[in-house]
């Protein structure tokens, strides 16, 4: 079973949070605030936070800027992963990702199924890597954000997590460029 190896020192990572919504503001963005609170409580650094409309081009532009920023290790988005006409976050991710982390979406939907049943099939949550930065697209509900952070990301973004974690892979994400 997975565990935290307390003999290792914690390494904080720099995380940017993007809420994708046509209606949210910083004042009423409960899912973004939930993520920001959890990032801080886990000992990581909130490197940036923004809200962007459901526009694939605008989302892509913001993602590219954050991917290029050496002060950002991880981008987590909330919203726009459903199947309606306005849900375009996965399409924006497709424009920037170098590699997908298929297991993230699969694991998220498996965990989500235990809580919301077959409705989880409507989620297009996904993970990937671009420019040495991890990217995760989560549904916009506060419950989904809690599930993704509490059950997956808090562990995978902790270098003490055993048997393996995403943090220890960070130095190797751009090996193909050497």
Protein backbone atom coordinates (compact mmCIF):
# COMPACT_ATOMS: atom_id res chain seq x y z
CA UNK A 1 0.00 0.00 0.00
CA UNK A 2 1.14 3.54 -0.68
CA UNK A 3 2.62 5.51 2.20
CA UNK A 4 4.46 8.70 3.13
CA UNK A 5 8.14 8.17 3.91
CA UNK A 6 8.70 10.54 6.84
CA UNK A 7 12.48 10.08 6.60
CA UNK A 8 12.48 12.19 3.42
CA UNK A 9 12.22 15.99 3.48
CA UNK A 10 9.11 17.49 1.88
CA UNK A 11 9.75 19.44 -1.34
CA UNK A 12 7.11 22.10 -2.06
CA UNK A 13 6.09 22.58 -5.68
CA UNK A 14 4.78 25.73 -7.37
CA UNK A 15 1.17 25.30 -8.45
CA UNK A 16 -0.97 27.54 -10.67
CA UNK A 17 -4.76 27.28 -10.51
CA UNK A 18 -7.06 28.18 -13.38
CA UNK A 19 -10.83 28.21 -13.10
CA UNK A 20 -12.57 27.92 -16.46
CA UNK A 21 -15.98 29.56 -16.30
CA UNK A 22 -18.16 32.13 -18.03
CA UNK A 23 -19.77 33.08 -14.70
CA UNK A 24 -17.26 32.75 -11.86
CA UNK A 25 -15.28 35.57 -10.26
CA UNK A 26 -12.59 35.34 -7.57
CA UNK A 27 -15.28 36.21 -5.04
CA UNK A 28 -17.57 33.26 -5.89
CA UNK A 29 -15.05 30.72 -7.23
CA UNK A 30 -15.54 28.02 -4.62
CA UNK A 31 -13.71 25.27 -6.51
CA UNK A 32 -10.67 27.47 -7.20
CA UNK A 33 -10.59 28.62 -3.59
CA UNK A 34 -10.91 25.04 -2.39
CA UNK A 35 -7.89 24.10 -4.48
CA UNK A 36 -5.90 27.15 -3.33
CA UNK A 37 -6.64 26.31 0.31
CA UNK A 38 -5.60 22.69 -0.14
CA UNK A 39 -2.41 23.63 -1.99
CA UNK A 40 -1.39 25.92 0.86
CA UNK A 41 -2.41 23.46 3.59
CA UNK A 42 -0.26 20.79 1.93
CA UNK A 43 2.82 23.02 2.06
CA UNK A 44 3.00 23.85 -1.63
CA UNK A 45 3.20 27.35 -3.13
CA UNK A 46 0.33 28.99 -5.02
CA UNK A 47 2.31 30.41 -7.95
CA UNK A 48 -0.64 31.95 -9.83
CA UNK A 49 -4.41 31.95 -9.93
CA UNK A 50 -6.73 33.06 -12.70
CA UNK A 51 -10.21 32.75 -14.12
CA UNK A 52 -10.71 32.36 -17.86
CA UNK A 53 -13.84 32.12 -19.97
CA UNK A 54 -14.80 28.90 -21.75
CA UNK A 55 -12.71 29.79 -24.81
CA UNK A 56 -10.17 27.22 -26.03
CA UNK A 57 -7.88 29.84 -27.56
CA UNK A 58 -7.77 31.95 -24.41
CA UNK A 59 -7.23 28.88 -22.22
CA UNK A 60 -4.44 27.69 -24.50
CA UNK A 61 -2.72 31.08 -24.38
CA UNK A 62 -2.79 31.15 -20.58
CA UNK A 63 -1.59 27.54 -20.35
CA UNK A 64 1.32 28.24 -22.71
CA UNK A 65 2.37 31.21 -20.60
CA UNK A 66 2.30 29.18 -17.41
CA UNK A 67 4.09 26.24 -19.05
CA UNK A 68 6.87 28.62 -20.14
CA UNK A 69 7.18 30.11 -16.65
CA UNK A 70 10.03 28.41 -14.75
CA UNK A 71 8.32 29.37 -11.48
CA UNK A 72 5.37 27.07 -12.21
CA UNK A 73 5.72 23.28 -11.83
CA UNK A 74 2.06 22.25 -11.95
CA UNK A 75 -1.12 23.71 -13.46
CA UNK A 76 -4.50 22.56 -12.17
CA UNK A 77 -7.65 23.70 -13.93
CA UNK A 78 -11.20 23.46 -12.68
CA UNK A 79 -14.16 23.53 -15.05
CA UNK A 80 -14.89 23.01 -18.72
CA UNK A 81 -14.32 19.24 -18.73
CA UNK A 82 -17.91 18.19 -19.37
CA UNK A 83 -19.59 17.43 -22.67
CA UNK A 84 -21.65 20.55 -23.35
CA UNK A 85 -20.90 22.86 -26.22
CA UNK A 86 -19.13 25.36 -23.93
CA UNK A 87 -16.85 22.74 -22.32
CA UNK A 88 -13.52 23.16 -24.13
CA UNK A 89 -10.79 22.67 -21.51
CA UNK A 90 -9.68 19.24 -22.84
CA UNK A 91 -9.48 20.70 -26.35
CA UNK A 92 -7.22 23.49 -25.06
CA UNK A 93 -5.08 20.88 -23.28
CA UNK A 94 -4.81 18.88 -26.52
CA UNK A 95 -3.19 21.93 -28.13
CA UNK A 96 -0.39 22.09 -25.55
CA UNK A 97 0.22 18.59 -24.13
CA UNK A 98 3.31 16.63 -25.10
CA UNK A 99 2.24 13.52 -23.20
CA UNK A 100 -0.98 12.46 -21.53
CA UNK A 101 -1.08 10.84 -18.12
CA UNK A 102 -3.92 8.47 -18.97
CA UNK A 103 -4.01 6.98 -15.50
CA UNK A 104 -5.04 10.28 -13.92
CA UNK A 105 -8.37 10.50 -15.76
CA UNK A 106 -8.99 6.80 -15.31
CA UNK A 107 -8.28 6.94 -11.59
CA UNK A 108 -10.32 10.11 -11.12
CA UNK A 109 -13.37 8.55 -12.79
CA UNK A 110 -12.95 5.33 -10.80
CA UNK A 111 -12.93 7.28 -7.52
CA UNK A 112 -15.73 9.55 -8.70
CA UNK A 113 -17.89 6.55 -9.63
CA UNK A 114 -17.86 5.49 -5.98
CA UNK A 115 -19.45 8.84 -5.07
CA UNK A 116 -21.66 9.88 -7.99
CA UNK A 117 -22.19 6.65 -9.87
CA UNK A 118 -22.51 6.51 -13.62
CA UNK A 119 -22.69 10.31 -13.92
CA UNK A 120 -18.89 10.22 -13.81
CA UNK A 121 -18.86 9.08 -17.44
CA UNK A 122 -19.61 12.71 -18.39
CA UNK A 123 -16.24 13.85 -17.03
CA UNK A 124 -13.33 14.38 -19.38
CA UNK A 125 -10.85 15.00 -16.53
CA UNK A 126 -7.31 14.48 -17.74
CA UNK A 127 -3.65 14.90 -16.90
CA UNK A 128 -0.51 15.41 -18.91
CA UNK A 129 2.89 17.03 -19.30
CA UNK A 130 4.09 19.95 -21.43
CA UNK A 131 7.39 21.78 -21.26
CA UNK A 132 8.33 20.04 -18.03
CA UNK A 133 5.09 21.18 -16.36
CA UNK A 134 2.36 18.87 -15.12
CA UNK A 135 -1.19 19.81 -16.13
CA UNK A 136 -4.42 18.46 -14.65
CA UNK A 137 -7.93 19.34 -15.83
CA UNK A 138 -10.62 18.77 -13.20
CA UNK A 139 -14.39 19.18 -13.32
CA UNK A 140 -15.69 22.47 -11.94
CA UNK A 141 -17.61 21.20 -8.94
CA UNK A 142 -16.14 21.73 -5.50
CA UNK A 143 -16.72 18.05 -4.71
CA UNK A 144 -14.76 16.92 -7.78
CA UNK A 145 -11.89 19.26 -6.91
CA UNK A 146 -11.79 17.87 -3.36
CA UNK A 147 -11.82 14.29 -4.66
CA UNK A 148 -9.01 14.89 -7.16
CA UNK A 149 -6.81 16.71 -4.64
CA UNK A 150 -7.53 14.63 -1.53
CA UNK A 151 -7.46 11.22 -3.20
CA UNK A 152 -4.83 11.64 -5.94
CA UNK A 153 -2.87 14.86 -6.28
CA UNK A 154 -1.94 15.46 -2.64
CA UNK A 155 -0.06 12.14 -2.76
CA UNK A 156 1.42 12.32 -6.24
CA UNK A 157 2.68 15.87 -5.63
CA UNK A 158 4.42 14.81 -2.41
CA UNK A 159 7.98 13.59 -3.00
CA UNK A 160 7.74 11.46 0.15
CA UNK A 161 4.95 9.32 -1.30
CA UNK A 162 6.02 5.74 -1.89
CA UNK A 163 6.47 3.68 -3.94
CA UNK A 164 6.70 6.55 -6.46
CA UNK A 165 5.42 10.06 -7.15
CA UNK A 166 5.37 12.76 -9.82
CA UNK A 167 7.75 15.12 -8.00
CA UNK A 168 10.72 12.79 -8.25
CA UNK A 169 10.18 12.63 -12.02
CA UNK A 170 10.28 16.41 -12.51
CA UNK A 171 14.02 16.60 -13.27
CA UNK A 172 13.53 14.03 -16.05
CA UNK A 173 10.49 15.50 -17.81
CA UNK A 174 12.57 17.24 -20.46
CA UNK A 175 15.20 14.55 -21.08
CA UNK A 176 14.14 14.39 -24.71
CA UNK A 177 15.48 17.94 -25.19
CA UNK A 178 19.04 17.11 -24.11
